[in-house]
PDB file of N, CA and C in Angstrom:
ATOM      1  N   MET A   1     107.384  98.450 127.842  1.00  0.00           N
ATOM      2  CA  MET A   1     106.402  99.489 127.663  1.00  0.00           C
ATOM      3  C   MET A   1     106.596 100.186 126.315  1.00  0.00           C
ATOM      4  N   THR A   2     107.870 100.412 125.950  1.00  0.00           N
ATOM      5  CA  THR A   2     108.117 101.084 124.681  1.00  0.00           C
ATOM      6  C   THR A   2     107.641 100.242 123.503  1.00  0.00           C
ATOM      7  N   GLY A   3     107.809  98.931 123.595  1.00  0.00           N
ATOM      8  CA  GLY A   3     107.341  98.045 122.532  1.00  0.00           C
ATOM      9  C   GLY A   3     105.832  98.055 122.404  1.00  0.00           C
ATOM     10  N   VAL A   4     105.141  98.102 123.531  1.00  0.00           N
ATOM     11  CA  VAL A   4     103.671  98.125 123.521  1.00  0.00           C
ATOM     12  C   VAL A   4     103.169  99.430 122.899  1.00  0.00           C
ATOM     13  N   ILE A   5     103.794 100.558 123.273  1.00  0.00           N
ATOM     14  CA  ILE A   5     103.379 101.846 122.715  1.00  0.00           C
ATOM     15  C   ILE A   5     103.628 101.890 121.210  1.00  0.00           C
ATOM     16  N   GLY A   6     104.804 101.443 120.785  1.00  0.00           N
ATOM     17  CA  GLY A   6     105.110 101.428 119.347  1.00  0.00           C
ATOM     18  C   GLY A   6     104.187 100.514 118.567  1.00  0.00           C
ATOM     19  N   LEU A   7     103.915  99.338 119.103  1.00  0.00           N
ATOM     20  CA  LEU A   7     103.031  98.391 118.426  1.00  0.00           C
ATOM     21  C   LEU A   7     101.596  98.910 118.382  1.00  0.00           C
ATOM     22  N   ALA A   8     101.139  99.502 119.471  1.00  0.00           N
ATOM     23  CA  ALA A   8      99.779 100.055 119.487  1.00  0.00           C
ATOM     24  C   ALA A   8      99.633 101.180 118.467  1.00  0.00           C
ATOM     25  N   ASP A   9     100.647 102.017 118.368  1.00  0.00           N
ATOM     26  CA  ASP A   9     100.579 103.094 117.380  1.00  0.00           C
ATOM     27  C   ASP A   9     100.551 102.529 115.965  1.00  0.00           C
ATOM     28  N   ARG A  10     101.389 101.563 115.710  1.00  0.00           N
ATOM     29  CA  ARG A  10     101.452 100.992 114.362  1.00  0.00           C
ATOM     30  C   ARG A  10     100.153 100.292 113.975  1.00  0.00           C
ATOM     31  N   LEU A  11      99.541  99.578 114.912  1.00  0.00           N
ATOM     32  CA  LEU A  11      98.330  98.817 114.596  1.00  0.00           C
ATOM     33  C   LEU A  11      97.047  99.645 114.670  1.00  0.00           C
ATOM     34  N   LEU A  12      96.977 100.584 115.623  1.00  0.00           N
ATOM     35  CA  LEU A  12      95.732 101.300 115.850  1.00  0.00           C
ATOM     36  C   LEU A  12      95.719 102.709 115.254  1.00  0.00           C
ATOM     37  N   SER A  13      96.761 103.479 115.483  1.00  0.00           N
ATOM     38  CA  SER A  13      96.746 104.882 115.078  1.00  0.00           C
ATOM     39  C   SER A  13      97.286 105.132 113.674  1.00  0.00           C
ATOM     40  N   ALA A  14      98.324 104.421 113.294  1.00  0.00           N
ATOM     41  CA  ALA A  14      98.969 104.680 111.998  1.00  0.00           C
ATOM     42  C   ALA A  14      98.033 104.483 110.809  1.00  0.00           C
ATOM     43  N   PRO A  15      97.171 103.468 110.774  1.00  0.00           N
ATOM     44  CA  PRO A  15      96.284 103.321 109.617  1.00  0.00           C
ATOM     45  C   PRO A  15      95.298 104.490 109.461  1.00  0.00           C
ATOM     46  N   ARG A  16      94.919 105.142 110.560  1.00  0.00           N
ATOM     47  CA  ARG A  16      93.966 106.254 110.497  1.00  0.00           C
ATOM     48  C   ARG A  16      94.645 107.600 110.250  1.00  0.00           C
ATOM     49  N   ARG A  17      95.971 107.663 110.399  1.00  0.00           N
ATOM     50  CA  ARG A  17      96.698 108.909 110.233  1.00  0.00           C
ATOM     51  C   ARG A  17      96.972 109.145 108.759  1.00  0.00           C
ATOM     52  N   SER A  18      96.874 110.375 108.309  1.00  0.00           N
ATOM     53  CA  SER A  18      97.156 110.665 106.892  1.00  0.00           C
ATOM     54  C   SER A  18      98.658 110.555 106.644  1.00  0.00           C
ATOM     55  N   SER A  19      99.030 110.373 105.406  1.00  0.00           N
ATOM     56  CA  SER A  19     100.442 110.175 105.068  1.00  0.00           C
ATOM     57  C   SER A  19     101.268 111.433 105.311  1.00  0.00           C
ATOM     58  N   GLU A  20     100.649 112.613 105.300  1.00  0.00           N
ATOM     59  CA  GLU A  20     101.383 113.860 105.534  1.00  0.00           C
ATOM     60  C   GLU A  20     101.517 114.185 107.020  1.00  0.00           C
ATOM     61  N   ALA A  21     100.695 113.554 107.863  1.00  0.00           N
ATOM     62  CA  ALA A  21     100.710 113.850 109.294  1.00  0.00           C
ATOM     63  C   ALA A  21     101.988 113.323 109.940  1.00  0.00           C
ATOM     64  N   GLU A  22     102.488 114.078 110.916  1.00  0.00           N
ATOM     65  CA  GLU A  22     103.678 113.665 111.647  1.00  0.00           C
ATOM     66  C   GLU A  22     103.332 112.582 112.655  1.00  0.00           C
ATOM     67  N   GLU A  23     104.279 111.709 112.874  1.00  0.00           N
ATOM     68  CA  GLU A  23     104.098 110.668 113.882  1.00  0.00           C
ATOM     69  C   GLU A  23     104.175 111.320 115.263  1.00  0.00           C
ATOM     70  N   PRO A  24     103.322 110.925 116.206  1.00  0.00           N
ATOM     71  CA  PRO A  24     103.381 111.503 117.560  1.00  0.00           C
ATOM     72  C   PRO A  24     104.749 111.279 118.200  1.00  0.00           C
ATOM     73  N   LEU A  25     105.174 112.251 118.980  1.00  0.00           N
ATOM     74  CA  LEU A  25     106.495 112.216 119.604  1.00  0.00           C
ATOM     75  C   LEU A  25     106.671 110.991 120.502  1.00  0.00           C
ATOM     76  N   LEU A  26     105.663 110.654 121.292  1.00  0.00           N
ATOM     77  CA  LEU A  26     105.750 109.493 122.175  1.00  0.00           C
ATOM     78  C   LEU A  26     105.944 108.206 121.377  1.00  0.00           C
ATOM     79  N   SER A  27     105.223 108.065 120.295  1.00  0.00           N
ATOM     80  CA  SER A  27     105.349 106.883 119.451  1.00  0.00           C
ATOM     81  C   SER A  27     106.724 106.819 118.789  1.00  0.00           C
ATOM     82  N   ASP A  28     107.204 107.967 118.331  1.00  0.00           N
ATOM     83  CA  ASP A  28     108.514 108.015 117.686  1.00  0.00           C
ATOM     84  C   ASP A  28     109.618 107.622 118.668  1.00  0.00           C
ATOM     85  N   TYR A  29     109.582 108.179 119.871  1.00  0.00           N
ATOM     86  CA  TYR A  29     110.577 107.825 120.882  1.00  0.00           C
ATOM     87  C   TYR A  29     110.465 106.357 121.284  1.00  0.00           C
ATOM     88  N   SER A  30     109.254 105.871 121.414  1.00  0.00           N
ATOM     89  CA  SER A  30     109.053 104.471 121.806  1.00  0.00           C
ATOM     90  C   SER A  30     109.644 103.516 120.777  1.00  0.00           C
ATOM     91  N   ARG A  31     109.385 103.787 119.498  1.00  0.00           N
ATOM     92  CA  ARG A  31     109.935 102.918 118.449  1.00  0.00           C
ATOM     93  C   ARG A  31     111.452 103.035 118.362  1.00  0.00           C
ATOM     94  N   SER A  32     112.005 104.195 118.705  1.00  0.00           N
ATOM     95  CA  SER A  32     113.456 104.384 118.655  1.00  0.00           C
ATOM     96  C   SER A  32     114.165 103.697 119.817  1.00  0.00           C
ATOM     97  N   PHE A  33     113.586 103.788 121.010  1.00  0.00           N
ATOM     98  CA  PHE A  33     114.236 103.234 122.190  1.00  0.00           C
ATOM     99  C   PHE A  33     114.036 101.735 122.360  1.00  0.00           C
ATOM    100  N   PHE A  34     112.995 101.181 121.778  1.00  0.00           N
ATOM    101  CA  PHE A  34     112.685  99.767 121.993  1.00  0.00           C
ATOM    102  C   PHE A  34     113.839  98.828 121.635  1.00  0.00           C
ATOM    103  N   PRO A  35     114.472  98.946 120.459  1.00  0.00           N
ATOM    104  CA  PRO A  35     115.575  98.013 120.159  1.00  0.00           C
ATOM    105  C   PRO A  35     116.743  98.145 121.127  1.00  0.00           C
ATOM    106  N   VAL A  36     117.051  99.356 121.544  1.00  0.00           N
ATOM    107  CA  VAL A  36     118.156  99.564 122.483  1.00  0.00           C
ATOM    108  C   VAL A  36     117.844  98.914 123.827  1.00  0.00           C
ATOM    109  N   ILE A  37     116.650  99.142 124.335  1.00  0.00           N
ATOM    110  CA  ILE A  37     116.250  98.563 125.622  1.00  0.00           C
ATOM    111  C   ILE A  37     116.203  97.040 125.536  1.00  0.00           C
ATOM    112  N   LEU A  38     115.725  96.506 124.426  1.00  0.00           N
ATOM    113  CA  LEU A  38     115.675  95.053 124.248  1.00  0.00           C
ATOM    114  C   LEU A  38     117.076  94.443 124.246  1.00  0.00           C
ATOM    115  N   ILE A  39     118.012  95.064 123.550  1.00  0.00           N
ATOM    116  CA  ILE A  39     119.385  94.551 123.503  1.00  0.00           C
ATOM    117  C   ILE A  39     120.020  94.593 124.890  1.00  0.00           C
ATOM    118  N   ILE A  40     119.836  95.701 125.611  1.00  0.00           N
ATOM    119  CA  ILE A  40     120.386  95.806 126.967  1.00  0.00           C
ATOM    120  C   ILE A  40     119.767  94.751 127.880  1.00  0.00           C
ATOM    121  N   PHE A  41     118.455  94.560 127.785  1.00  0.00           N
ATOM    122  CA  PHE A  41     117.778  93.554 128.608  1.00  0.00           C
ATOM    123  C   PHE A  41     118.326  92.156 128.312  1.00  0.00           C
ATOM    124  N   LEU A  42     118.490  91.818 127.038  1.00  0.00           N
ATOM    125  CA  LEU A  42     118.996  90.495 126.687  1.00  0.00           C
ATOM    126  C   LEU A  42     120.442  90.306 127.141  1.00  0.00           C
ATOM    127  N   LEU A  43     121.278  91.324 126.961  1.00  0.00           N
ATOM    128  CA  LEU A  43     122.669  91.224 127.402  1.00  0.00           C
ATOM    129  C   LEU A  43     122.753  91.038 128.916  1.00  0.00           C
ATOM    130  N   ARG A  44     122.000  91.834 129.658  1.00  0.00           N
ATOM    131  CA  ARG A  44     122.053  91.740 131.121  1.00  0.00           C
ATOM    132  C   ARG A  44     121.402  90.472 131.639  1.00  0.00           C
ATOM    133  N   SER A  45     120.421  89.956 130.936  1.00  0.00           N
ATOM    134  CA  SER A  45     119.729  88.759 131.416  1.00  0.00           C
ATOM    135  C   SER A  45     120.473  87.477 131.098  1.00  0.00           C
ATOM    136  N   LEU A  46     121.120  87.429 129.938  1.00  0.00           N
ATOM    137  CA  LEU A  46     121.698  86.170 129.479  1.00  0.00           C
ATOM    138  C   LEU A  46     123.224  86.128 129.459  1.00  0.00           C
ATOM    139  N   LEU A  47     123.894  87.250 129.238  1.00  0.00           N
ATOM    140  CA  LEU A  47     125.340  87.192 129.035  1.00  0.00           C
ATOM    141  C   LEU A  47     126.162  87.816 130.159  1.00  0.00           C
ATOM    142  N   VAL A  48     126.021  89.114 130.403  1.00  0.00           N
ATOM    143  CA  VAL A  48     126.854  89.790 131.404  1.00  0.00           C
ATOM    144  C   VAL A  48     125.992  90.662 132.305  1.00  0.00           C
ATOM    145  N   ASP A  49     126.516  90.924 133.496  1.00  0.00           N
ATOM    146  CA  ASP A  49     125.822  91.783 134.452  1.00  0.00           C
ATOM    147  C   ASP A  49     126.875  92.643 135.148  1.00  0.00           C
ATOM    148  N   PRO A  50     126.671  93.960 135.212  1.00  0.00           N
ATOM    149  CA  PRO A  50     127.660  94.818 135.882  1.00  0.00           C
ATOM    150  C   PRO A  50     127.502  94.784 137.403  1.00  0.00           C
ATOM    151  N   PHE A  51     128.633  94.771 138.093  1.00  0.00           N
ATOM    152  CA  PHE A  51     128.648  94.805 139.547  1.00  0.00           C
ATOM    153  C   PHE A  51     129.681  95.838 139.993  1.00  0.00           C
ATOM    154  N   ARG A  52     129.420  96.492 141.097  1.00  0.00           N
ATOM    155  CA  ARG A  52     130.357  97.438 141.681  1.00  0.00           C
ATOM    156  C   ARG A  52     130.925  96.825 142.946  1.00  0.00           C
ATOM    157  N   ILE A  53     132.238  96.888 143.096  1.00  0.00           N
ATOM    158  CA  ILE A  53     132.890  96.372 144.301  1.00  0.00           C
ATOM    159  C   ILE A  53     132.652  97.401 145.411  1.00  0.00           C
ATOM    160  N   PRO A  54     131.856  97.072 146.451  1.00  0.00           N
ATOM    161  CA  PRO A  54     131.485  98.077 147.444  1.00  0.00           C
ATOM    162  C   PRO A  54     132.548  98.343 148.514  1.00  0.00           C
ATOM    163  N   PHE A  55     133.341  97.347 148.859  1.00  0.00           N
ATOM    164  CA  PHE A  55     134.289  97.483 149.962  1.00  0.00           C
ATOM    165  C   PHE A  55     135.686  97.122 149.488  1.00  0.00           C
ATOM    166  N   CYS A  56     136.653  97.429 150.322  1.00  0.00           N
ATOM    167  CA  CYS A  56     138.043  97.131 149.959  1.00  0.00           C
ATOM    168  C   CYS A  56     138.478  95.769 150.503  1.00  0.00           C
ATOM    169  N   SER A  57     137.574  94.871 150.716  1.00  0.00           N
ATOM    170  CA  SER A  57     137.919  93.560 151.268  1.00  0.00           C
ATOM    171  C   SER A  57     138.618  92.668 150.248  1.00  0.00           C
ATOM    172  N   MET A  58     138.612  93.042 148.969  1.00  0.00           N
ATOM    173  CA  MET A  58     139.240  92.214 147.935  1.00  0.00           C
ATOM    174  C   MET A  58     140.560  92.805 147.444  1.00  0.00           C
ATOM    175  N   VAL A  59     141.078  93.834 148.138  1.00  0.00           N
ATOM    176  CA  VAL A  59     142.360  94.440 147.782  1.00  0.00           C
ATOM    177  C   VAL A  59     143.438  93.400 147.994  1.00  0.00           C
ATOM    178  N   PRO A  60     144.439  93.241 147.185  1.00  0.00           N
ATOM    179  CA  PRO A  60     144.834  94.022 146.024  1.00  0.00           C
ATOM    180  C   PRO A  60     144.240  93.507 144.709  1.00  0.00           C
ATOM    181  N   THR A  61     143.446  92.468 144.759  1.00  0.00           N
ATOM    182  CA  THR A  61     142.892  91.916 143.519  1.00  0.00           C
ATOM    183  C   THR A  61     141.878  92.861 142.891  1.00  0.00           C
ATOM    184  N   LEU A  62     140.901  93.273 143.644  1.00  0.00           N
ATOM    185  CA  LEU A  62     139.858  94.189 143.171  1.00  0.00           C
ATOM    186  C   LEU A  62     139.744  95.354 144.142  1.00  0.00           C
ATOM    187  N   LEU A  63     139.802  96.573 143.613  1.00  0.00           N
ATOM    188  CA  LEU A  63     139.748  97.771 144.441  1.00  0.00           C
ATOM    189  C   LEU A  63     138.307  98.194 144.684  1.00  0.00           C
ATOM    190  N   ALA A  64     138.081  98.892 145.808  1.00  0.00           N
ATOM    191  CA  ALA A  64     136.744  99.382 146.142  1.00  0.00           C
ATOM    192  C   ALA A  64     136.296 100.407 145.104  1.00  0.00           C
ATOM    193  N   GLY A  65     135.026 100.324 144.693  1.00  0.00           N
ATOM    194  CA  GLY A  65     134.465 101.266 143.727  1.00  0.00           C
ATOM    195  C   GLY A  65     134.624 100.866 142.277  1.00  0.00           C
ATOM    196  N   VAL A  66     135.369  99.808 142.011  1.00  0.00           N
ATOM    197  CA  VAL A  66     135.600  99.357 140.638  1.00  0.00           C
ATOM    198  C   VAL A  66     134.370  98.599 140.140  1.00  0.00           C
ATOM    199  N   PHE A  67     134.041  98.802 138.865  1.00  0.00           N
ATOM    200  CA  PHE A  67     132.951  98.053 138.240  1.00  0.00           C
ATOM    201  C   PHE A  67     133.531  96.840 137.524  1.00  0.00           C
ATOM    202  N   ILE A  68     132.875  95.700 137.674  1.00  0.00           N
ATOM    203  CA  ILE A  68     133.271  94.493 136.952  1.00  0.00           C
ATOM    204  C   ILE A  68     132.050  93.968 136.194  1.00  0.00           C
ATOM    205  N   LEU A  69     132.313  93.219 135.143  1.00  0.00           N
ATOM    206  CA  LEU A  69     131.244  92.559 134.399  1.00  0.00           C
ATOM    207  C   LEU A  69     131.253  91.088 134.772  1.00  0.00           C
ATOM    208  N   GLY A  70     130.144  90.614 135.285  1.00  0.00           N
ATOM    209  CA  GLY A  70     130.018  89.208 135.621  1.00  0.00           C
ATOM    210  C   GLY A  70     129.493  88.430 134.426  1.00  0.00           C
ATOM    211  N   ASN A  71     130.170  87.352 134.083  1.00  0.00           N
ATOM    212  CA  ASN A  71     129.781  86.509 132.957  1.00  0.00           C
ATOM    213  C   ASN A  71     128.695  85.548 133.420  1.00  0.00           C
ATOM    214  N   ARG A  72     127.477  85.785 132.993  1.00  0.00           N
ATOM    215  CA  ARG A  72     126.357  84.931 133.399  1.00  0.00           C
ATOM    216  C   ARG A  72     126.351  83.603 132.642  1.00  0.00           C
ATOM    217  N   TYR A  73     126.976  83.566 131.499  1.00  0.00           N
ATOM    218  CA  TYR A  73     126.879  82.389 130.648  1.00  0.00           C
ATOM    219  C   TYR A  73     127.879  81.300 131.024  1.00  0.00           C
ATOM    220  N   VAL A  74     128.905  81.637 131.820  1.00  0.00           N
ATOM    221  CA  VAL A  74     129.959  80.668 132.101  1.00  0.00           C
ATOM    222  C   VAL A  74     129.433  79.419 132.815  1.00  0.00           C
ATOM    223  N   TYR A  75     128.391  79.560 133.634  1.00  0.00           N
ATOM    224  CA  TYR A  75     127.813  78.397 134.311  1.00  0.00           C
ATOM    225  C   TYR A  75     126.433  78.045 133.798  1.00  0.00           C
ATOM    226  N   GLY A  76     126.042  78.660 132.693  1.00  0.00           N
ATOM    227  CA  GLY A  76     124.741  78.379 132.103  1.00  0.00           C
ATOM    228  C   GLY A  76     123.851  79.603 132.132  1.00  0.00           C
ATOM    229  N   SER A  77     122.742  79.530 131.445  1.00  0.00           N
ATOM    230  CA  SER A  77     121.808  80.655 131.384  1.00  0.00           C
ATOM    231  C   SER A  77     120.538  80.342 132.153  1.00  0.00           C
ATOM    232  N   ARG A  78     119.990  81.385 132.759  1.00  0.00           N
ATOM    233  CA  ARG A  78     118.738  81.274 133.498  1.00  0.00           C
ATOM    234  C   ARG A  78     117.731  82.245 132.911  1.00  0.00           C
ATOM    235  N   LEU A  79     116.469  81.857 132.955  1.00  0.00           N
ATOM    236  CA  LEU A  79     115.416  82.784 132.555  1.00  0.00           C
ATOM    237  C   LEU A  79     115.290  83.842 133.646  1.00  0.00           C
ATOM    238  N   PRO A  80     115.274  85.133 133.278  1.00  0.00           N
ATOM    239  CA  PRO A  80     115.387  86.180 134.280  1.00  0.00           C
ATOM    240  C   PRO A  80     114.245  86.270 135.293  1.00  0.00           C
ATOM    241  N   LEU A  81     113.021  86.134 134.904  1.00  0.00           N
ATOM    242  CA  LEU A  81     111.920  86.366 135.828  1.00  0.00           C
ATOM    243  C   LEU A  81     111.612  85.177 136.718  1.00  0.00           C
ATOM    244  N   ILE A  82     111.769  83.978 136.209  1.00  0.00           N
ATOM    245  CA  ILE A  82     111.437  82.799 137.011  1.00  0.00           C
ATOM    246  C   ILE A  82     112.681  82.089 137.552  1.00  0.00           C
ATOM    247  N   ASN A  83     113.876  82.576 137.188  1.00  0.00           N
ATOM    248  CA  ASN A  83     115.148  82.056 137.687  1.00  0.00           C
ATOM    249  C   ASN A  83     115.298  80.553 137.447  1.00  0.00           C
ATOM    250  N   LYS A  84     114.865  80.097 136.284  1.00  0.00           N
ATOM    251  CA  LYS A  84     114.972  78.679 135.930  1.00  0.00           C
ATOM    252  C   LYS A  84     116.174  78.481 135.013  1.00  0.00           C
ATOM    253  N   ASN A  85     117.007  77.509 135.341  1.00  0.00           N
ATOM    254  CA  ASN A  85     118.201  77.222 134.553  1.00  0.00           C
ATOM    255  C   ASN A  85     117.786  76.573 133.229  1.00  0.00           C
ATOM    256  N   ILE A  86     118.162  77.191 132.094  1.00  0.00           N
ATOM    257  CA  ILE A  86     117.782  76.637 130.800  1.00  0.00           C
ATOM    258  C   ILE A  86     118.945  75.951 130.096  1.00  0.00           C
ATOM    259  N   ILE A  87     120.179  76.397 130.396  1.00  0.00           N
ATOM    260  CA  ILE A  87     121.365  75.770 129.803  1.00  0.00           C
ATOM    261  C   ILE A  87     122.406  75.612 130.897  1.00  0.00           C
ATOM    262  N   GLY A  88     122.716  74.395 131.295  1.00  0.00           N
ATOM    263  CA  GLY A  88     123.744  74.149 132.300  1.00  0.00           C
ATOM    264  C   GLY A  88     125.095  73.952 131.632  1.00  0.00           C
ATOM    265  N   MET A  89     126.117  74.680 132.101  1.00  0.00           N
ATOM    266  CA  MET A  89     127.427  74.617 131.455  1.00  0.00           C
ATOM    267  C   MET A  89     128.522  74.060 132.349  1.00  0.00           C
ATOM    268  N   GLY A  90     128.362  74.091 133.645  1.00  0.00           N
ATOM    269  CA  GLY A  90     129.430  73.605 134.522  1.00  0.00           C
ATOM    270  C   GLY A  90     129.255  74.117 135.935  1.00  0.00           C
ATOM    271  N   ASN A  91     130.269  73.852 136.761  1.00  0.00           N
ATOM    272  CA  ASN A  91     130.254  74.249 138.159  1.00  0.00           C
ATOM    273  C   ASN A  91     131.346  75.274 138.421  1.00  0.00           C
ATOM    274  N   PRO A  92     131.230  76.067 139.493  1.00  0.00           N
ATOM    275  CA  PRO A  92     132.276  77.049 139.815  1.00  0.00           C
ATOM    276  C   PRO A  92     133.625  76.382 140.034  1.00  0.00           C
ATOM    277  N   GLN A  93     134.683  77.080 139.606  1.00  0.00           N
ATOM    278  CA  GLN A  93     136.052  76.583 139.731  1.00  0.00           C
ATOM    279  C   GLN A  93     136.794  77.392 140.788  1.00  0.00           C
ATOM    280  N   CYS A  94     137.897  76.860 141.280  1.00  0.00           N
ATOM    281  CA  CYS A  94     138.743  77.581 142.235  1.00  0.00           C
ATOM    282  C   CYS A  94     139.379  78.785 141.554  1.00  0.00           C
ATOM    283  N   SER A  95     139.705  79.796 142.331  1.00  0.00           N
ATOM    284  CA  SER A  95     140.392  81.036 141.932  1.00  0.00           C
ATOM    285  C   SER A  95     139.559  81.919 141.010  1.00  0.00           C
ATOM    286  N   GLY A  96     138.279  81.728 140.967  1.00  0.00           N
ATOM    287  CA  GLY A  96     137.409  82.606 140.201  1.00  0.00           C
ATOM    288  C   GLY A  96     136.642  83.525 141.145  1.00  0.00           C
ATOM    289  N   VAL A  97     136.207  84.658 140.638  1.00  0.00           N
ATOM    290  CA  VAL A  97     135.378  85.561 141.431  1.00  0.00           C
ATOM    291  C   VAL A  97     133.935  85.125 141.244  1.00  0.00           C
ATOM    292  N   MET A  98     133.261  84.880 142.349  1.00  0.00           N
ATOM    293  CA  MET A  98     131.884  84.412 142.286  1.00  0.00           C
ATOM    294  C   MET A  98     130.983  85.490 142.887  1.00  0.00           C
ATOM    295  N   VAL A  99     129.908  85.836 142.182  1.00  0.00           N
ATOM    296  CA  VAL A  99     128.918  86.784 142.667  1.00  0.00           C
ATOM    297  C   VAL A  99     127.632  86.003 142.925  1.00  0.00           C
ATOM    298  N   PHE A 100     127.070  86.199 144.101  1.00  0.00           N
ATOM    299  CA  PHE A 100     125.844  85.481 144.441  1.00  0.00           C
ATOM    300  C   PHE A 100     124.946  86.383 145.271  1.00  0.00           C
ATOM    301  N   ARG A 101     123.692  86.061 145.331  1.00  0.00           N
ATOM    302  CA  ARG A 101     122.723  86.809 146.124  1.00  0.00           C
ATOM    303  C   ARG A 101     122.781  86.314 147.577  1.00  0.00           C
ATOM    304  N   TYR A 102     122.763  87.262 148.493  1.00  0.00           N
ATOM    305  CA  TYR A 102     122.781  86.941 149.916  1.00  0.00           C
ATOM    306  C   TYR A 102     121.464  86.265 150.269  1.00  0.00           C
ATOM    307  N   PRO A 103     121.497  85.052 150.842  1.00  0.00           N
ATOM    308  CA  PRO A 103     120.257  84.294 151.081  1.00  0.00           C
ATOM    309  C   PRO A 103     119.241  84.991 151.979  1.00  0.00           C
ATOM    310  N   LEU A 104     119.698  85.768 152.974  1.00  0.00           N
ATOM    311  CA  LEU A 104     118.765  86.419 153.888  1.00  0.00           C
ATOM    312  C   LEU A 104     118.198  87.716 153.320  1.00  0.00           C
ATOM    313  N   ASP A 105     118.889  88.318 152.341  1.00  0.00           N
ATOM    314  CA  ASP A 105     118.418  89.543 151.687  1.00  0.00           C
ATOM    315  C   ASP A 105     118.802  89.473 150.209  1.00  0.00           C
ATOM    316  N   PRO A 106     117.941  88.921 149.339  1.00  0.00           N
ATOM    317  CA  PRO A 106     118.281  88.723 147.932  1.00  0.00           C
ATOM    318  C   PRO A 106     118.584  90.001 147.151  1.00  0.00           C
ATOM    319  N   SER A 107     118.335  91.168 147.736  1.00  0.00           N
ATOM    320  CA  SER A 107     118.668  92.402 147.026  1.00  0.00           C
ATOM    321  C   SER A 107     120.160  92.719 147.111  1.00  0.00           C
ATOM    322  N   LEU A 108     120.905  92.028 147.991  1.00  0.00           N
ATOM    323  CA  LEU A 108     122.340  92.253 148.147  1.00  0.00           C
ATOM    324  C   LEU A 108     123.125  91.244 147.330  1.00  0.00           C
ATOM    325  N   ASP A 109     124.145  91.733 146.633  1.00  0.00           N
ATOM    326  CA  ASP A 109     125.067  90.865 145.894  1.00  0.00           C
ATOM    327  C   ASP A 109     126.343  90.697 146.701  1.00  0.00           C
ATOM    328  N   TYR A 110     126.756  89.466 146.893  1.00  0.00           N
ATOM    329  CA  TYR A 110     128.005  89.170 147.592  1.00  0.00           C
ATOM    330  C   TYR A 110     129.008  88.624 146.588  1.00  0.00           C
ATOM    331  N   MET A 111     130.288  88.930 146.819  1.00  0.00           N
ATOM    332  CA  MET A 111     131.359  88.462 145.940  1.00  0.00           C
ATOM    333  C   MET A 111     132.380  87.694 146.760  1.00  0.00           C
ATOM    334  N   GLN A 112     132.931  86.660 146.144  1.00  0.00           N
ATOM    335  CA  GLN A 112     133.925  85.867 146.819  1.00  0.00           C
ATOM    336  C   GLN A 112     134.932  85.363 145.794  1.00  0.00           C
ATOM    337  N   ILE A 113     136.201  85.349 146.194  1.00  0.00           N
ATOM    338  CA  ILE A 113     137.244  84.805 145.313  1.00  0.00           C
ATOM    339  C   ILE A 113     137.505  83.390 145.716  1.00  0.00           C
TER     340      ILE A 113
END
């Protein structure tokens, strides 16, 4: 949304605005936040994803409430919206922590060592 607002301002409003006029606050914020949001989206979609350990079932390896970063690239990259594998890198190995979506409720993340 921020990219659309910034682009619309640049293409539609900026040419009609005088050089002394201030840029609208919404447009200024949109252009400022867009690169940050894009970088976060790309990092979370392709490289790493944060997860919180909800229970103490993984003690002493992982404590309850701890945040971990899951490496999405270790087994390949997927396109975020259509969940299509674009780069296959390998299969899960023993003794690794695996995070997966619960098949009956995809909104839940399950972890297994």
